[in-house]
């Protein structure tokens, strides 16, 4: 009996080892609860570009190659997988399936399936600097992109291939706009402006009244346009961009006022006036056809609004608690959307920040 007990005790360690080996080989651990997924939009995100190809559909692109999409006007967002970690500076779309985004180090990514898959494509590069700052989509698969070292790139096949349309130069173009197939404009560093009337085959310099960088331009028709830039610069043209006028400052307007609440002292003067609140850097400008107003955005949550003729301007801040910079502005679906250090929709009185649920 003693021998039997002794034998049993001697094999216990081996039985334990065998049991552990069996568990390790044949029993797989099962997760408990649900895995926490990071939100599509995080507090630390910066989104530099925004596009709305169809009603309720929104794309935003920004830091670390991040692209997110909403199908319900910003209520819910889906993070899309992209092939780059470079910051994306802008995004444009031809329709709800096809889009292009550009960014740092000359990165260009495209999708033809609503963002289910994004593909990186090659673009002409400089040996010095290659940040692409803006991209604009045009009908029939055309698009233009601009950026550092005088980058001016064109595609005619929905972004699959790109060609440089101007030689390199030690200056950046910050915006490109085509009003139709032939007439286009470039806005850049040191107040530079160029114009084409032959679809971008040739470009002619246009005299500029400023030396600060111009960041964006918009036209409401073939004759009337507004450009914005650093130090609150606003320029207006009424002859198709052949000549530009710098709009002078008016008496300071309190930052807490909303459009319509600003004293209309400039209206009766018959002079072009821009509130001093617009002295913050301005990064984008859009024409709101439905409301017949110009709207610009920029640093410190500033908005600047002008009447149809760019003669009377108001200014303020999107929200007293929102001093974020915004680089992109689009008017679509009866709303105004902004992207930057914060991203959301603004109805001229209330700011609706986009954020992930959960």
Protein backbone atom coordinates (compact mmCIF):
# COMPACT_ATOMS: atom_id res chain seq x y z
CA UNK A 1 0.00 0.00 0.00
CA UNK A 2 2.83 2.37 0.83
CA UNK A 3 4.43 1.61 -2.47
CA UNK A 4 1.21 2.44 -4.28
CA UNK A 5 0.85 5.77 -2.50
CA UNK A 6 4.47 6.60 -3.21
CA UNK A 7 4.01 5.76 -6.90
CA UNK A 8 0.84 7.91 -7.10
CA UNK A 9 2.61 10.90 -5.58
CA UNK A 10 5.53 10.54 -7.99
CA UNK A 11 3.38 10.73 -11.11
CA UNK A 12 1.25 13.70 -10.00
CA UNK A 13 3.77 16.29 -11.36
CA UNK A 14 3.79 14.50 -14.71
CA UNK A 15 0.01 14.48 -14.82
CA UNK A 16 -0.05 18.21 -14.12
CA UNK A 17 2.48 18.88 -16.91
CA UNK A 18 0.48 16.72 -19.32
CA UNK A 19 -2.73 18.56 -18.43
CA UNK A 20 -1.10 21.91 -19.00
CA UNK A 21 0.25 20.79 -22.38
CA UNK A 22 -3.20 19.55 -23.40
CA UNK A 23 -4.81 22.87 -22.39
CA UNK A 24 -2.17 24.83 -24.28
CA UNK A 25 -2.57 22.79 -27.44
CA UNK A 26 -6.31 22.24 -27.63
CA UNK A 27 -8.06 24.96 -25.64
CA UNK A 28 -8.09 28.45 -27.15
CA UNK A 29 -8.90 31.48 -24.97
CA UNK A 30 -12.16 33.22 -25.82
CA UNK A 31 -12.56 37.01 -25.53
CA UNK A 32 -14.81 38.25 -22.78
CA UNK A 33 -17.06 41.19 -23.60
CA UNK A 34 -16.56 43.39 -26.69
CA UNK A 35 -13.39 44.90 -28.15
CA UNK A 36 -13.27 48.67 -27.90
CA UNK A 37 -12.72 50.27 -31.30
CA UNK A 38 -11.23 53.77 -31.48
CA UNK A 39 -13.77 56.39 -32.57
CA UNK A 40 -13.75 57.43 -36.22
CA UNK A 41 -13.29 61.05 -35.18
CA UNK A 42 -11.01 61.67 -32.21
CA UNK A 43 -10.30 64.81 -30.21
CA UNK A 44 -6.73 64.91 -31.47
CA UNK A 45 -7.72 64.77 -35.14
CA UNK A 46 -7.28 67.62 -37.58
CA UNK A 47 -9.18 67.42 -40.85
CA UNK A 48 -7.93 69.68 -43.62
CA UNK A 49 -10.34 68.80 -46.44
CA UNK A 50 -14.05 68.09 -46.83
CA UNK A 51 -16.25 67.07 -49.76
CA UNK A 52 -19.94 66.37 -50.25
CA UNK A 53 -20.65 64.52 -53.52
CA UNK A 54 -24.33 63.87 -52.81
CA UNK A 55 -27.03 64.87 -50.36
CA UNK A 56 -26.13 63.60 -46.90
CA UNK A 57 -22.81 62.12 -48.05
CA UNK A 58 -19.65 63.63 -46.57
CA UNK A 59 -15.97 62.78 -46.83
CA UNK A 60 -13.34 64.38 -44.58
CA UNK A 61 -9.59 63.84 -44.78
CA UNK A 62 -6.75 64.85 -42.50
CA UNK A 63 -3.88 63.85 -40.27
CA UNK A 64 -2.00 60.56 -40.64
CA UNK A 65 -3.79 59.62 -43.85
CA UNK A 66 -7.16 59.55 -42.13
CA UNK A 67 -10.34 59.51 -44.21
CA UNK A 68 -13.82 59.11 -42.73
CA UNK A 69 -17.19 59.07 -44.46
CA UNK A 70 -20.76 59.74 -43.42
CA UNK A 71 -23.92 58.70 -45.25
CA UNK A 72 -26.31 60.61 -42.98
CA UNK A 73 -25.08 64.20 -42.94
CA UNK A 74 -22.50 63.74 -40.22
CA UNK A 75 -24.52 61.83 -37.63
CA UNK A 76 -22.50 58.63 -38.02
CA UNK A 77 -19.01 58.14 -39.43
CA UNK A 78 -17.04 55.20 -40.82
CA UNK A 79 -13.26 55.17 -40.74
CA UNK A 80 -11.89 54.12 -44.13
CA UNK A 81 -8.60 52.31 -44.68
CA UNK A 82 -6.03 54.25 -46.71
CA UNK A 83 -2.55 53.24 -47.90
CA UNK A 84 -0.73 56.24 -46.41
CA UNK A 85 0.17 57.80 -43.07
CA UNK A 86 0.99 61.16 -44.61
CA UNK A 87 -1.23 64.09 -43.63
CA UNK A 88 -3.91 64.60 -46.25
CA UNK A 89 -4.39 68.30 -47.00
CA UNK A 90 -7.51 68.15 -49.16
CA UNK A 91 -10.12 65.87 -50.69
CA UNK A 92 -12.38 66.28 -53.71
CA UNK A 93 -15.01 64.03 -55.29
CA UNK A 94 -16.52 63.53 -58.72
CA UNK A 95 -19.50 61.60 -57.37
CA UNK A 96 -20.43 59.42 -54.38
CA UNK A 97 -18.09 56.65 -55.57
CA UNK A 98 -15.04 58.44 -56.99
CA UNK A 99 -12.80 60.77 -55.01
CA UNK A 100 -9.19 61.92 -54.71
CA UNK A 101 -7.17 63.13 -51.71
CA UNK A 102 -3.75 64.80 -51.73
CA UNK A 103 -1.22 65.67 -49.07
CA UNK A 104 2.30 65.74 -47.72
CA UNK A 105 5.26 64.40 -49.71
CA UNK A 106 3.19 64.49 -52.89
CA UNK A 107 0.87 61.70 -51.82
CA UNK A 108 -2.21 61.16 -53.99
CA UNK A 109 -4.83 58.50 -53.19
CA UNK A 110 -7.98 57.70 -55.16
CA UNK A 111 -11.10 55.58 -54.75
CA UNK A 112 -13.68 54.36 -57.25
CA UNK A 113 -15.92 52.46 -54.82
CA UNK A 114 -16.98 55.01 -52.23
CA UNK A 115 -13.84 54.56 -50.18
CA UNK A 116 -14.14 50.81 -49.60
CA UNK A 117 -10.67 50.72 -51.12
CA UNK A 118 -8.18 53.57 -51.54
CA UNK A 119 -5.19 53.27 -53.87
CA UNK A 120 -2.04 55.38 -53.88
CA UNK A 121 -1.02 56.65 -57.31
CA UNK A 122 2.15 58.36 -58.46
CA UNK A 123 2.37 62.07 -59.25
CA UNK A 124 5.26 64.19 -60.61
CA UNK A 125 7.61 64.98 -57.73
CA UNK A 126 10.17 67.66 -56.97
CA UNK A 127 13.57 66.88 -55.47
CA UNK A 128 13.04 69.65 -52.92
CA UNK A 129 9.49 69.75 -51.55
CA UNK A 130 6.25 68.07 -52.55
CA UNK A 131 3.39 69.00 -50.24
CA UNK A 132 0.14 69.18 -52.21
CA UNK A 133 -2.26 71.67 -50.65
CA UNK A 134 -5.47 71.71 -52.70
CA UNK A 135 -7.30 69.52 -55.18
CA UNK A 136 -10.37 70.43 -57.22
CA UNK A 137 -12.47 67.94 -59.21
CA UNK A 138 -14.01 68.93 -62.54
CA UNK A 139 -16.49 67.12 -64.82
CA UNK A 140 -15.48 64.14 -66.96
CA UNK A 141 -12.73 62.89 -64.67
CA UNK A 142 -10.60 66.02 -64.68
CA UNK A 143 -8.98 67.49 -61.57
CA UNK A 144 -6.26 69.96 -60.65
CA UNK A 145 -3.91 69.86 -57.66
CA UNK A 146 -1.53 72.57 -56.42
CA UNK A 147 1.17 72.84 -53.80
CA UNK A 148 4.76 73.61 -52.96
CA UNK A 149 7.55 74.26 -55.49
CA UNK A 150 4.99 75.66 -57.91
CA UNK A 151 3.21 72.32 -58.21
CA UNK A 152 0.35 72.50 -60.71
CA UNK A 153 -0.84 69.01 -61.62
CA UNK A 154 -3.70 67.84 -63.82
CA UNK A 155 -5.49 64.53 -64.29
CA UNK A 156 -8.03 63.64 -66.95
CA UNK A 157 -8.74 60.05 -65.88
CA UNK A 158 -10.22 60.35 -62.38
CA UNK A 159 -6.81 60.67 -60.74
CA UNK A 160 -5.14 57.56 -62.13
CA UNK A 161 -2.38 59.54 -63.85
CA UNK A 162 -1.10 63.09 -63.32
CA UNK A 163 0.99 65.54 -65.33
CA UNK A 164 2.75 68.74 -64.30
CA UNK A 165 1.43 71.81 -66.16
CA UNK A 166 4.02 74.40 -65.03
CA UNK A 167 7.73 74.25 -64.30
CA UNK A 168 9.00 74.05 -60.74
CA UNK A 169 9.60 77.31 -58.88
CA UNK A 170 10.48 78.25 -55.33
CA UNK A 171 6.95 79.27 -54.34
CA UNK A 172 3.69 77.55 -53.44
CA UNK A 173 0.28 77.71 -55.02
CA UNK A 174 -2.39 77.53 -52.32
CA UNK A 175 -5.53 77.25 -54.42
CA UNK A 176 -6.74 76.53 -57.93
CA UNK A 177 -10.21 77.20 -59.31
CA UNK A 178 -11.80 76.55 -62.67
CA UNK A 179 -15.11 78.25 -63.31
CA UNK A 180 -15.59 76.27 -66.52
CA UNK A 181 -13.48 74.18 -68.90
CA UNK A 182 -11.39 77.17 -70.00
CA UNK A 183 -11.23 79.87 -67.31
CA UNK A 184 -9.19 79.25 -64.19
CA UNK A 185 -7.17 81.02 -61.49
CA UNK A 186 -4.24 80.30 -59.21
CA UNK A 187 -3.68 81.92 -55.81
CA UNK A 188 -0.32 81.69 -54.08
CA UNK A 189 2.46 83.00 -51.91
CA UNK A 190 3.38 86.69 -51.82
CA UNK A 191 0.00 87.65 -53.23
CA UNK A 192 0.63 85.98 -56.57
CA UNK A 193 -2.33 85.50 -58.94
CA UNK A 194 -2.38 83.81 -62.33
CA UNK A 195 -5.17 83.26 -64.84
CA UNK A 196 -5.81 80.92 -67.76
CA UNK A 197 -8.38 81.21 -70.54
CA UNK A 198 -7.42 78.08 -72.46
CA UNK A 199 -8.05 75.33 -69.93
CA UNK A 200 -4.65 75.54 -68.27
CA UNK A 201 -2.45 75.26 -71.34
CA UNK A 202 -1.01 78.73 -70.66
CA UNK A 203 -1.12 80.99 -67.60
CA UNK A 204 -0.76 84.76 -67.36
CA UNK A 205 0.19 86.72 -64.21
CA UNK A 206 -2.38 89.16 -62.83
CA UNK A 207 -1.46 92.26 -60.79
CA UNK A 208 -2.16 91.79 -57.08
CA UNK A 209 -2.75 94.55 -54.50
CA UNK A 210 -1.14 92.52 -51.66
CA UNK A 211 2.16 90.81 -50.87
CA UNK A 212 0.83 88.35 -48.29
CA UNK A 213 -0.09 84.80 -49.22
CA UNK A 214 -3.47 84.33 -50.83
CA UNK A 215 -5.09 81.12 -49.62
CA UNK A 216 -8.34 80.63 -51.57
CA UNK A 217 -10.62 82.07 -54.24
CA UNK A 218 -14.28 81.68 -55.23
CA UNK A 219 -16.48 83.10 -57.99
CA UNK A 220 -20.25 83.53 -58.03
CA UNK A 221 -20.35 84.05 -61.79
CA UNK A 222 -17.96 84.74 -64.66
CA UNK A 223 -17.35 88.33 -63.52
CA UNK A 224 -17.49 88.44 -59.72
CA UNK A 225 -15.04 86.76 -57.37
CA UNK A 226 -13.47 87.09 -53.93
CA UNK A 227 -10.05 85.90 -52.74
CA UNK A 228 -8.85 85.61 -49.13
CA UNK A 229 -5.44 85.42 -47.51
CA UNK A 230 -3.26 85.99 -44.50
CA UNK A 231 -3.70 88.98 -42.20
CA UNK A 232 -7.40 89.01 -43.04
CA UNK A 233 -6.87 90.02 -46.64
CA UNK A 234 -9.99 90.11 -48.81
CA UNK A 235 -9.75 90.91 -52.52
CA UNK A 236 -12.66 91.41 -54.91
CA UNK A 237 -12.94 91.41 -58.69
CA UNK A 238 -15.87 92.43 -60.87
CA UNK A 239 -14.31 91.86 -64.28
CA UNK A 240 -13.51 88.16 -64.36
CA UNK A 241 -10.31 88.40 -62.36
CA UNK A 242 -8.52 90.79 -64.70
CA UNK A 243 -8.08 93.26 -61.83
CA UNK A 244 -8.41 92.83 -58.05
CA UNK A 245 -9.16 95.36 -55.32
CA UNK A 246 -8.16 95.05 -51.67
CA UNK A 247 -11.17 95.72 -49.44
CA UNK A 248 -10.38 98.28 -46.69
CA UNK A 249 -11.07 97.86 -42.99
CA UNK A 250 -14.05 99.37 -41.19
CA UNK A 251 -14.74 100.07 -37.52
CA UNK A 252 -14.20 97.05 -35.31
CA UNK A 253 -17.17 94.69 -34.90
CA UNK A 254 -17.62 92.76 -31.61
CA UNK A 255 -16.66 89.12 -32.01
CA UNK A 256 -19.72 87.86 -30.14
CA UNK A 257 -22.25 89.17 -32.64
CA UNK A 258 -23.92 86.95 -35.20
CA UNK A 259 -24.73 87.86 -38.80
CA UNK A 260 -27.67 90.24 -38.90
CA UNK A 261 -26.87 91.63 -35.45
CA UNK A 262 -23.97 93.76 -36.61
CA UNK A 263 -24.57 97.49 -36.80
CA UNK A 264 -25.10 98.32 -40.46
CA UNK A 265 -23.02 101.46 -40.40
CA UNK A 266 -21.16 100.48 -43.54
CA UNK A 267 -24.33 99.95 -45.55
CA UNK A 268 -25.18 103.60 -45.76
CA UNK A 269 -21.67 104.71 -46.59
CA UNK A 270 -21.60 103.17 -50.03
CA UNK A 271 -17.99 102.18 -49.39
CA UNK A 272 -16.34 98.80 -49.36
CA UNK A 273 -15.85 97.92 -45.69
CA UNK A 274 -14.37 94.94 -43.91
CA UNK A 275 -14.71 94.63 -40.09
CA UNK A 276 -11.46 94.63 -38.14
CA UNK A 277 -12.45 91.27 -36.68
CA UNK A 278 -11.52 89.84 -40.06
CA UNK A 279 -7.88 90.64 -39.31
CA UNK A 280 -7.28 86.98 -38.45
CA UNK A 281 -5.75 84.85 -41.18
CA UNK A 282 -8.43 83.71 -43.64
CA UNK A 283 -8.02 80.29 -45.26
CA UNK A 284 -11.09 79.65 -47.39
CA UNK A 285 -13.97 81.42 -49.12
CA UNK A 286 -17.25 80.18 -50.63
CA UNK A 287 -20.23 81.68 -52.43
CA UNK A 288 -23.58 80.64 -50.95
CA UNK A 289 -26.00 80.82 -53.86
CA UNK A 290 -29.10 80.13 -51.78
CA UNK A 291 -28.43 82.98 -49.33
CA UNK A 292 -26.65 85.19 -51.85
CA UNK A 293 -23.68 85.80 -49.53
CA UNK A 294 -19.93 85.33 -49.45
CA UNK A 295 -18.59 83.41 -46.46
CA UNK A 296 -14.94 83.12 -45.40
CA UNK A 297 -13.32 81.26 -42.50
CA UNK A 298 -9.91 81.21 -40.88
CA UNK A 299 -7.97 81.37 -37.65
CA UNK A 300 -9.44 81.55 -34.13
CA UNK A 301 -12.92 80.43 -35.21
CA UNK A 302 -13.46 83.58 -37.26
CA UNK A 303 -16.12 83.90 -39.95
CA UNK A 304 -16.47 86.80 -42.37
CA UNK A 305 -19.64 87.35 -44.37
CA UNK A 306 -20.18 89.66 -47.33
CA UNK A 307 -23.14 90.74 -49.39
CA UNK A 308 -23.63 89.81 -53.03
CA UNK A 309 -21.56 92.72 -54.35
CA UNK A 310 -18.78 92.26 -51.78
CA UNK A 311 -19.50 95.76 -50.49
CA UNK A 312 -20.78 95.25 -46.93
CA UNK A 313 -19.11 92.77 -44.62
CA UNK A 314 -19.79 91.37 -41.15
CA UNK A 315 -17.53 89.27 -38.93
CA UNK A 316 -17.58 87.25 -35.74
CA UNK A 317 -16.73 83.86 -34.31
CA UNK A 318 -18.47 80.56 -34.94
CA UNK A 319 -18.88 79.93 -31.23
CA UNK A 320 -17.58 81.70 -28.14
CA UNK A 321 -16.07 78.36 -27.04
CA UNK A 322 -14.70 77.45 -30.45
CA UNK A 323 -11.45 79.25 -31.25
CA UNK A 324 -10.25 76.54 -33.60
CA UNK A 325 -8.75 77.25 -37.01
CA UNK A 326 -10.60 76.05 -40.09
CA UNK A 327 -9.01 75.50 -43.49
CA UNK A 328 -11.89 74.27 -45.65
CA UNK A 329 -15.39 75.51 -46.25
CA UNK A 330 -18.06 74.08 -48.53
CA UNK A 331 -21.70 74.98 -49.02
CA UNK A 332 -23.82 71.94 -49.87
CA UNK A 333 -27.17 70.35 -49.05
CA UNK A 334 -28.42 73.68 -47.74
CA UNK A 335 -25.71 73.74 -45.07
CA UNK A 336 -22.25 75.13 -44.46
CA UNK A 337 -19.57 72.58 -43.57
CA UNK A 338 -16.13 73.39 -42.15
CA UNK A 339 -12.99 71.34 -41.60
CA UNK A 340 -9.94 72.14 -39.52
CA UNK A 341 -8.95 71.69 -35.90
CA UNK A 342 -12.66 70.99 -35.45
CA UNK A 343 -15.10 69.77 -38.08
CA UNK A 344 -18.83 70.33 -38.29
CA UNK A 345 -21.81 72.15 -39.77
CA UNK A 346 -22.78 75.76 -39.07
CA UNK A 347 -26.10 77.45 -39.79
CA UNK A 348 -24.74 80.98 -39.15
CA UNK A 349 -25.86 80.77 -35.51
CA UNK A 350 -25.30 77.25 -34.13
CA UNK A 351 -22.20 75.10 -34.53
CA UNK A 352 -22.87 71.34 -34.82
CA UNK A 353 -19.60 69.52 -34.24
CA UNK A 354 -19.12 66.19 -35.96
CA UNK A 355 -18.10 63.39 -33.63
CA UNK A 356 -18.26 59.62 -33.39
CA UNK A 357 -21.03 58.10 -31.34
CA UNK A 358 -20.26 55.74 -28.52
